[in-house]
Amino acid sequence: MRSDLKGNKRKRTVGFAFAVRGWKYAWKERNLRIQVGVGATALVLGACFRITVIEWLILVMVIGMVIAMEMINTAVERLLDYLAPEFHPNAGAIKDIAAGSVLAVAVVAAVAGAIIFLPRIALLF
C-alpha cells in the first residue's frame, strides 16, 4: 500500500504533466506564440535598460497575465467548438467576450510597457 506522501507526490507529478500537455496544445495557437515573443522581447529590453525591481515585478506580472488569458481564451474557443460545432450566436458572443478579455489585458500590458520603456527610449534620442 502506498504511503500518503508518495500518493500526493504522484498526484502532483501527474498534475504537472497535464499542465505541460496543456502548454503543448496551446502552443499550436499562433496568438500565444506571438504573445510569448512579445513578452520575451520585453524581458530583453528590461535587461538592456536595467529596469528597477518594481518595474520587473510589473513587467513579469503583465506578461504572465497576457499569456494566461490567451490560454484561457484558447480553452474557451476549443470548448465551444466541441459543444457547438455549428454556428450559434451565443457561442460566437462567448468567444468574442473571451477574445475581448485578452485584448483588455494586452492593452494594460502595453500601457505598462510604455510607462516603463518610453522614458528610457526617449533618453536615447
N, C-alpha and C. Protein backbone atom coordinates (compact mmCIF):
# COMPACT_ATOMS: atom_id res chain seq x y z
N MET A 1 0.84 -1.18 0.00
CA MET A 1 0.00 0.00 0.00
C MET A 1 0.88 1.24 0.00
N ARG A 2 0.51 2.22 -0.78
CA ARG A 2 1.29 3.45 -0.86
C ARG A 2 1.09 4.32 0.37
N SER A 3 2.16 5.01 0.72
CA SER A 3 2.01 5.98 1.80
C SER A 3 1.36 7.23 1.22
N ASP A 4 0.77 8.03 2.09
CA ASP A 4 0.12 9.26 1.63
C ASP A 4 1.11 10.18 0.94
N LEU A 5 2.34 10.22 1.44
CA LEU A 5 3.34 11.10 0.86
C LEU A 5 3.61 10.73 -0.59
N LYS A 6 3.79 9.44 -0.86
CA LYS A 6 4.04 9.02 -2.23
C LYS A 6 2.83 9.26 -3.11
N GLY A 7 1.64 9.02 -2.58
CA GLY A 7 0.43 9.26 -3.36
C GLY A 7 0.27 10.73 -3.72
N ASN A 8 0.53 11.60 -2.77
CA ASN A 8 0.43 13.04 -3.04
C ASN A 8 1.48 13.48 -4.04
N LYS A 9 2.69 12.89 -3.93
CA LYS A 9 3.75 13.24 -4.87
C LYS A 9 3.34 12.83 -6.29
N ARG A 10 2.76 11.66 -6.41
CA ARG A 10 2.32 11.19 -7.73
C ARG A 10 1.24 12.11 -8.29
N LYS A 11 0.31 12.54 -7.44
CA LYS A 11 -0.75 13.43 -7.90
C LYS A 11 -0.17 14.74 -8.41
N ARG A 12 0.84 15.25 -7.71
CA ARG A 12 1.47 16.50 -8.15
C ARG A 12 2.17 16.29 -9.48
N THR A 13 2.87 15.15 -9.62
CA THR A 13 3.58 14.86 -10.86
C THR A 13 2.61 14.72 -12.03
N VAL A 14 1.52 14.02 -11.80
CA VAL A 14 0.52 13.85 -12.85
C VAL A 14 -0.10 15.19 -13.22
N GLY A 15 -0.41 15.99 -12.21
CA GLY A 15 -0.97 17.31 -12.46
C GLY A 15 -0.03 18.18 -13.27
N PHE A 16 1.25 18.11 -12.95
CA PHE A 16 2.24 18.88 -13.70
C PHE A 16 2.31 18.39 -15.15
N ALA A 17 2.24 17.09 -15.34
CA ALA A 17 2.26 16.52 -16.69
C ALA A 17 1.07 17.02 -17.50
N PHE A 18 -0.10 17.10 -16.87
CA PHE A 18 -1.28 17.62 -17.57
C PHE A 18 -1.08 19.09 -17.94
N ALA A 19 -0.47 19.84 -17.05
CA ALA A 19 -0.22 21.26 -17.33
C ALA A 19 0.74 21.43 -18.50
N VAL A 20 1.78 20.60 -18.54
CA VAL A 20 2.73 20.66 -19.65
C VAL A 20 2.03 20.29 -20.96
N ARG A 21 1.17 19.28 -20.89
CA ARG A 21 0.40 18.91 -22.08
C ARG A 21 -0.50 20.05 -22.53
N GLY A 22 -1.08 20.76 -21.57
CA GLY A 22 -1.90 21.93 -21.90
C GLY A 22 -1.09 23.00 -22.62
N TRP A 23 0.14 23.22 -22.16
CA TRP A 23 1.03 24.17 -22.85
C TRP A 23 1.29 23.73 -24.29
N LYS A 24 1.50 22.42 -24.48
CA LYS A 24 1.76 21.91 -25.83
C LYS A 24 0.57 22.15 -26.74
N TYR A 25 -0.64 21.92 -26.22
CA TYR A 25 -1.84 22.19 -27.02
C TYR A 25 -1.94 23.68 -27.34
N ALA A 26 -1.75 24.50 -26.34
CA ALA A 26 -1.90 25.94 -26.53
C ALA A 26 -0.82 26.51 -27.44
N TRP A 27 0.37 25.93 -27.39
CA TRP A 27 1.49 26.45 -28.19
C TRP A 27 1.20 26.38 -29.70
N LYS A 28 0.28 25.52 -30.10
CA LYS A 28 -0.10 25.42 -31.50
C LYS A 28 -0.82 26.67 -31.99
N GLU A 29 -1.31 27.47 -31.04
CA GLU A 29 -2.04 28.69 -31.39
C GLU A 29 -1.07 29.82 -31.71
N ARG A 30 -1.22 30.39 -32.88
CA ARG A 30 -0.35 31.47 -33.34
C ARG A 30 -0.32 32.65 -32.38
N ASN A 31 -1.47 33.03 -31.85
CA ASN A 31 -1.53 34.20 -30.97
C ASN A 31 -0.71 33.99 -29.70
N LEU A 32 -0.71 32.78 -29.16
CA LEU A 32 0.08 32.52 -27.96
C LEU A 32 1.56 32.67 -28.28
N ARG A 33 1.99 32.15 -29.41
CA ARG A 33 3.40 32.27 -29.78
C ARG A 33 3.79 33.74 -29.96
N ILE A 34 2.89 34.52 -30.52
CA ILE A 34 3.15 35.96 -30.67
C ILE A 34 3.27 36.62 -29.29
N GLN A 35 2.34 36.30 -28.39
CA GLN A 35 2.36 36.90 -27.05
C GLN A 35 3.65 36.52 -26.30
N VAL A 36 4.07 35.27 -26.42
CA VAL A 36 5.31 34.85 -25.77
C VAL A 36 6.50 35.60 -26.38
N GLY A 37 6.49 35.77 -27.68
CA GLY A 37 7.57 36.51 -28.35
C GLY A 37 7.64 37.97 -27.90
N VAL A 38 6.49 38.60 -27.80
CA VAL A 38 6.44 39.99 -27.34
C VAL A 38 6.91 40.07 -25.88
N GLY A 39 6.47 39.11 -25.07
CA GLY A 39 6.91 39.08 -23.67
C GLY A 39 8.41 38.89 -23.56
N ALA A 40 8.97 37.99 -24.35
CA ALA A 40 10.41 37.75 -24.32
C ALA A 40 11.17 39.01 -24.75
N THR A 41 10.65 39.70 -25.74
CA THR A 41 11.27 40.96 -26.18
C THR A 41 11.26 41.99 -25.05
N ALA A 42 10.15 42.07 -24.34
CA ALA A 42 10.05 43.00 -23.21
C ALA A 42 11.06 42.64 -22.12
N LEU A 43 11.25 41.34 -21.88
CA LEU A 43 12.23 40.92 -20.88
C LEU A 43 13.65 41.29 -21.30
N VAL A 44 13.96 41.13 -22.58
CA VAL A 44 15.29 41.52 -23.07
C VAL A 44 15.47 43.03 -22.93
N LEU A 45 14.45 43.80 -23.29
CA LEU A 45 14.53 45.25 -23.13
C LEU A 45 14.72 45.63 -21.66
N GLY A 46 14.03 44.93 -20.77
CA GLY A 46 14.19 45.19 -19.35
C GLY A 46 15.63 45.00 -18.90
N ALA A 47 16.26 43.93 -19.40
CA ALA A 47 17.67 43.68 -19.06
C ALA A 47 18.57 44.76 -19.67
N CYS A 48 18.30 45.13 -20.91
CA CYS A 48 19.12 46.16 -21.58
C CYS A 48 19.03 47.50 -20.88
N PHE A 49 17.83 47.87 -20.45
CA PHE A 49 17.62 49.17 -19.81
C PHE A 49 17.81 49.13 -18.30
N ARG A 50 18.09 47.95 -17.76
CA ARG A 50 18.31 47.79 -16.31
C ARG A 50 17.17 48.41 -15.50
N ILE A 51 15.98 47.91 -15.72
CA ILE A 51 14.82 48.43 -15.02
C ILE A 51 14.88 48.06 -13.54
N THR A 52 14.11 48.77 -12.74
CA THR A 52 14.12 48.56 -11.29
C THR A 52 13.39 47.25 -10.92
N VAL A 53 13.55 46.85 -9.67
CA VAL A 53 12.90 45.63 -9.19
C VAL A 53 11.37 45.75 -9.32
N ILE A 54 10.83 46.89 -8.95
CA ILE A 54 9.37 47.09 -9.05
C ILE A 54 8.94 47.01 -10.51
N GLU A 55 9.70 47.59 -11.40
CA GLU A 55 9.37 47.53 -12.83
C GLU A 55 9.45 46.08 -13.33
N TRP A 56 10.43 45.31 -12.84
CA TRP A 56 10.50 43.89 -13.19
C TRP A 56 9.25 43.15 -12.74
N LEU A 57 8.84 43.42 -11.50
CA LEU A 57 7.64 42.76 -10.98
C LEU A 57 6.42 43.07 -11.84
N ILE A 58 6.26 44.33 -12.17
CA ILE A 58 5.12 44.73 -13.01
C ILE A 58 5.21 44.07 -14.38
N LEU A 59 6.40 44.11 -14.97
CA LEU A 59 6.59 43.53 -16.30
C LEU A 59 6.28 42.04 -16.32
N VAL A 60 6.83 41.31 -15.36
CA VAL A 60 6.61 39.86 -15.31
C VAL A 60 5.13 39.55 -15.06
N MET A 61 4.50 40.33 -14.19
CA MET A 61 3.08 40.08 -13.90
C MET A 61 2.20 40.32 -15.12
N VAL A 62 2.42 41.41 -15.86
CA VAL A 62 1.55 41.67 -17.01
C VAL A 62 1.83 40.67 -18.13
N ILE A 63 3.08 40.26 -18.29
CA ILE A 63 3.38 39.23 -19.30
C ILE A 63 2.65 37.93 -18.92
N GLY A 64 2.73 37.55 -17.66
CA GLY A 64 2.05 36.34 -17.20
C GLY A 64 0.54 36.43 -17.38
N MET A 65 -0.02 37.60 -17.09
CA MET A 65 -1.47 37.77 -17.25
C MET A 65 -1.89 37.63 -18.71
N VAL A 66 -1.13 38.21 -19.62
CA VAL A 66 -1.47 38.12 -21.04
C VAL A 66 -1.40 36.68 -21.52
N ILE A 67 -0.33 35.98 -21.15
CA ILE A 67 -0.16 34.59 -21.59
C ILE A 67 -1.26 33.71 -20.99
N ALA A 68 -1.53 33.89 -19.71
CA ALA A 68 -2.59 33.09 -19.08
C ALA A 68 -3.95 33.37 -19.71
N MET A 69 -4.24 34.63 -19.97
CA MET A 69 -5.54 34.97 -20.56
C MET A 69 -5.64 34.41 -21.99
N GLU A 70 -4.54 34.43 -22.71
CA GLU A 70 -4.54 33.85 -24.06
C GLU A 70 -4.82 32.35 -24.00
N MET A 71 -4.27 31.67 -23.00
CA MET A 71 -4.52 30.24 -22.86
C MET A 71 -5.96 29.97 -22.45
N ILE A 72 -6.51 30.79 -21.57
CA ILE A 72 -7.92 30.64 -21.19
C ILE A 72 -8.81 30.87 -22.40
N ASN A 73 -8.49 31.88 -23.19
CA ASN A 73 -9.26 32.16 -24.41
C ASN A 73 -9.22 30.96 -25.35
N THR A 74 -8.05 30.36 -25.51
CA THR A 74 -7.92 29.18 -26.36
C THR A 74 -8.78 28.03 -25.84
N ALA A 75 -8.77 27.84 -24.52
CA ALA A 75 -9.58 26.77 -23.91
C ALA A 75 -11.07 27.02 -24.15
N VAL A 76 -11.50 28.27 -23.99
CA VAL A 76 -12.92 28.61 -24.21
C VAL A 76 -13.30 28.34 -25.67
N GLU A 77 -12.43 28.76 -26.60
CA GLU A 77 -12.73 28.54 -28.02
C GLU A 77 -12.82 27.05 -28.34
N ARG A 78 -11.89 26.26 -27.83
CA ARG A 78 -11.92 24.82 -28.10
C ARG A 78 -13.15 24.16 -27.49
N LEU A 79 -13.50 24.57 -26.28
CA LEU A 79 -14.68 24.01 -25.63
C LEU A 79 -15.93 24.31 -26.45
N LEU A 80 -16.06 25.55 -26.89
CA LEU A 80 -17.25 25.92 -27.65
C LEU A 80 -17.28 25.25 -29.02
N ASP A 81 -16.11 25.07 -29.64
CA ASP A 81 -16.07 24.36 -30.92
C ASP A 81 -16.52 22.91 -30.73
N TYR A 82 -16.21 22.34 -29.58
CA TYR A 82 -16.62 20.97 -29.28
C TYR A 82 -18.12 20.90 -28.98
N LEU A 83 -18.60 21.83 -28.15
CA LEU A 83 -20.00 21.78 -27.72
C LEU A 83 -20.97 22.28 -28.78
N ALA A 84 -20.53 23.23 -29.58
CA ALA A 84 -21.41 23.81 -30.61
C ALA A 84 -20.65 23.90 -31.93
N PRO A 85 -20.42 22.76 -32.60
CA PRO A 85 -19.63 22.79 -33.84
C PRO A 85 -20.30 23.61 -34.95
N GLU A 86 -21.61 23.67 -34.93
CA GLU A 86 -22.31 24.52 -35.90
C GLU A 86 -22.40 25.93 -35.31
N PHE A 87 -22.57 26.91 -36.18
CA PHE A 87 -22.62 28.29 -35.70
C PHE A 87 -23.82 28.49 -34.77
N HIS A 88 -23.56 29.16 -33.69
CA HIS A 88 -24.62 29.56 -32.77
C HIS A 88 -24.27 30.96 -32.26
N PRO A 89 -25.23 31.91 -32.30
CA PRO A 89 -24.92 33.28 -31.90
C PRO A 89 -24.38 33.41 -30.48
N ASN A 90 -24.89 32.60 -29.56
CA ASN A 90 -24.40 32.67 -28.18
C ASN A 90 -22.94 32.19 -28.09
N ALA A 91 -22.62 31.12 -28.82
CA ALA A 91 -21.25 30.63 -28.83
C ALA A 91 -20.32 31.69 -29.41
N GLY A 92 -20.77 32.36 -30.46
CA GLY A 92 -19.96 33.44 -31.06
C GLY A 92 -19.75 34.58 -30.08
N ALA A 93 -20.79 34.95 -29.35
CA ALA A 93 -20.68 36.03 -28.37
C ALA A 93 -19.71 35.65 -27.26
N ILE A 94 -19.78 34.41 -26.80
CA ILE A 94 -18.88 33.95 -25.74
C ILE A 94 -17.42 34.01 -26.21
N LYS A 95 -17.19 33.55 -27.43
CA LYS A 95 -15.83 33.61 -27.99
C LYS A 95 -15.35 35.05 -28.11
N ASP A 96 -16.24 35.94 -28.55
CA ASP A 96 -15.86 37.35 -28.68
C ASP A 96 -15.53 37.97 -27.32
N ILE A 97 -16.29 37.63 -26.31
CA ILE A 97 -16.04 38.15 -24.97
C ILE A 97 -14.69 37.64 -24.46
N ALA A 98 -14.40 36.35 -24.66
CA ALA A 98 -13.12 35.80 -24.23
C ALA A 98 -11.97 36.48 -24.97
N ALA A 99 -12.13 36.71 -26.26
CA ALA A 99 -11.09 37.41 -27.03
C ALA A 99 -10.94 38.86 -26.54
N GLY A 100 -12.05 39.47 -26.19
CA GLY A 100 -12.01 40.83 -25.66
C GLY A 100 -11.26 40.91 -24.34
N SER A 101 -11.34 39.86 -23.53
CA SER A 101 -10.60 39.86 -22.27
C SER A 101 -9.10 39.80 -22.53
N VAL A 102 -8.68 39.08 -23.56
CA VAL A 102 -7.26 39.06 -23.93
C VAL A 102 -6.84 40.46 -24.38
N LEU A 103 -7.67 41.09 -25.17
CA LEU A 103 -7.36 42.44 -25.64
C LEU A 103 -7.23 43.40 -24.46
N ALA A 104 -8.13 43.32 -23.49
CA ALA A 104 -8.08 44.21 -22.33
C ALA A 104 -6.77 44.05 -21.57
N VAL A 105 -6.36 42.81 -21.32
CA VAL A 105 -5.12 42.57 -20.59
C VAL A 105 -3.92 43.00 -21.43
N ALA A 106 -3.97 42.76 -22.73
CA ALA A 106 -2.86 43.16 -23.60
C ALA A 106 -2.71 44.68 -23.64
N VAL A 107 -3.82 45.41 -23.62
CA VAL A 107 -3.75 46.88 -23.60
C VAL A 107 -3.11 47.35 -22.29
N VAL A 108 -3.52 46.75 -21.17
CA VAL A 108 -2.92 47.10 -19.88
C VAL A 108 -1.42 46.81 -19.91
N ALA A 109 -1.03 45.66 -20.47
CA ALA A 109 0.39 45.31 -20.57
C ALA A 109 1.13 46.31 -21.45
N ALA A 110 0.52 46.72 -22.56
CA ALA A 110 1.17 47.69 -23.44
C ALA A 110 1.35 49.04 -22.75
N VAL A 111 0.35 49.45 -22.00
CA VAL A 111 0.46 50.72 -21.26
C VAL A 111 1.57 50.61 -20.21
N ALA A 112 1.62 49.49 -19.50
CA ALA A 112 2.68 49.30 -18.50
C ALA A 112 4.05 49.32 -19.18
N GLY A 113 4.15 48.64 -20.31
CA GLY A 113 5.41 48.65 -21.06
C GLY A 113 5.80 50.04 -21.53
N ALA A 114 4.82 50.80 -21.98
CA ALA A 114 5.10 52.17 -22.42
C ALA A 114 5.58 53.03 -21.26
N ILE A 115 4.94 52.89 -20.11
CA ILE A 115 5.34 53.67 -18.93
C ILE A 115 6.77 53.31 -18.52
N ILE A 116 7.11 52.05 -18.61
CA ILE A 116 8.44 51.61 -18.21
C ILE A 116 9.50 51.98 -19.25
N PHE A 117 9.21 51.75 -20.53
CA PHE A 117 10.25 51.85 -21.54
C PHE A 117 10.33 53.17 -22.30
N LEU A 118 9.21 53.86 -22.54
CA LEU A 118 9.28 55.07 -23.35
C LEU A 118 10.20 56.15 -22.79
N PRO A 119 10.20 56.41 -21.49
CA PRO A 119 11.15 57.42 -20.99
C PRO A 119 12.60 57.03 -21.24
N ARG A 120 12.91 55.75 -21.13
CA ARG A 120 14.28 55.29 -21.37
C ARG A 120 14.64 55.38 -22.85
N ILE A 121 13.69 55.04 -23.69
CA ILE A 121 13.93 55.13 -25.15
C ILE A 121 14.09 56.60 -25.54
N ALA A 122 13.30 57.48 -24.95
CA ALA A 122 13.39 58.91 -25.27
C ALA A 122 14.77 59.47 -24.92
N LEU A 123 15.39 58.96 -23.88
CA LEU A 123 16.73 59.43 -23.50
C LEU A 123 17.79 59.06 -24.53
N LEU A 124 17.51 58.07 -25.36
CA LEU A 124 18.47 57.67 -26.39
C LEU A 124 18.52 58.67 -27.54
N PHE A 125 17.50 59.48 -27.66
CA PHE A 125 17.43 60.40 -28.81
C PHE A 125 17.64 61.80 -28.39
